[in-house]
Amino acid sequence: MRIRRTLGLALATVTVAGMSAFGAVSAEAASSPTITGDECTAAGGKITSRPYAGDLCVLPDGTSQPVT
């Protein structure tokens, strides 16, 4: 019984560690890429200035990206 509990705890620890690593990779992949002001206007977007947050490019399809 004690071995089963120890194996269960080890499996749970590995699962949580794996999910944490997967979450970190997913968060990095989900972060939006940046775009230059020229690329924004060339794509038909509009540059919007946000106080204390920098500029944002709003594209015609409704998506937005930070401007570098």
Protein backbone atom coordinates (compact mmCIF):
# COMPACT_ATOMS: atom_id res chain seq x y z
CA MET A 1 0.00 0.00 0.00
CA ARG A 2 2.80 2.40 0.84
CA ILE A 3 4.55 1.72 -2.48
CA ARG A 4 1.34 2.44 -4.40
CA ARG A 5 0.92 5.78 -2.59
CA THR A 6 4.57 6.71 -3.26
CA LEU A 7 4.25 5.85 -6.95
CA GLY A 8 1.02 7.85 -7.18
CA LEU A 9 2.69 10.86 -5.59
CA ALA A 10 5.67 10.56 -7.95
CA LEU A 11 3.35 10.32 -10.97
CA ALA A 12 1.37 13.36 -9.82
CA THR A 13 4.57 15.36 -9.34
CA VAL A 14 5.83 14.48 -12.82
CA THR A 15 2.44 15.34 -14.33
CA VAL A 16 2.33 18.76 -12.66
CA ALA A 17 5.92 19.50 -13.69
CA GLY A 18 5.14 18.50 -17.27
CA MET A 19 2.03 20.68 -17.38
CA SER A 20 3.99 23.62 -15.99
CA ALA A 21 6.61 23.25 -18.71
CA PHE A 22 3.90 22.89 -21.35
CA GLY A 23 2.13 26.00 -20.03
CA ALA A 24 5.32 28.04 -20.20
CA VAL A 25 5.96 26.98 -23.80
CA SER A 26 2.33 27.66 -24.76
CA ALA A 27 2.43 31.10 -23.16
CA GLU A 28 5.57 31.97 -25.10
CA ALA A 29 4.03 30.74 -28.36
CA ALA A 30 0.81 32.63 -27.69
CA SER A 31 2.43 36.00 -27.14
CA SER A 32 1.78 38.27 -30.06
CA PRO A 33 4.62 39.22 -32.37
CA THR A 34 5.56 42.86 -32.77
CA ILE A 35 5.23 44.82 -35.96
CA THR A 36 6.85 48.02 -37.17
CA GLY A 37 4.85 51.13 -37.92
CA ASP A 38 5.62 50.84 -41.65
CA GLU A 39 4.49 47.20 -41.73
CA CYS A 40 1.29 48.18 -39.93
CA THR A 41 0.32 50.89 -42.39
CA ALA A 42 1.35 48.71 -45.35
CA ALA A 43 -1.04 46.01 -44.09
CA GLY A 44 -3.85 48.57 -43.91
CA GLY A 45 -3.70 48.91 -40.13
CA LYS A 46 -4.09 51.94 -37.92
CA ILE A 47 -1.56 52.87 -35.22
CA THR A 48 -3.14 53.74 -31.88
CA SER A 49 -1.17 55.32 -29.06
CA ARG A 50 -1.81 53.99 -25.54
CA PRO A 51 -0.68 56.04 -22.52
CA TYR A 52 2.09 54.29 -20.58
CA ALA A 53 1.81 51.21 -22.83
CA GLY A 54 3.29 52.26 -26.17
CA ASP A 55 1.74 52.07 -29.62
CA LEU A 56 -0.63 49.43 -30.91
CA CYS A 57 -1.35 48.43 -34.49
CA VAL A 58 -5.00 47.59 -35.10
CA LEU A 59 -5.32 45.58 -38.31
CA PRO A 60 -8.42 45.50 -40.56
CA ASP A 61 -9.28 41.96 -39.44
CA GLY A 62 -9.68 43.20 -35.84
CA THR A 63 -6.44 41.82 -34.43
CA SER A 64 -3.89 44.04 -32.75
CA GLN A 65 -0.15 43.86 -32.23
CA PRO A 66 2.33 46.00 -30.32
CA VAL A 67 4.38 48.35 -32.48
CA THR A 68 8.15 48.33 -32.14
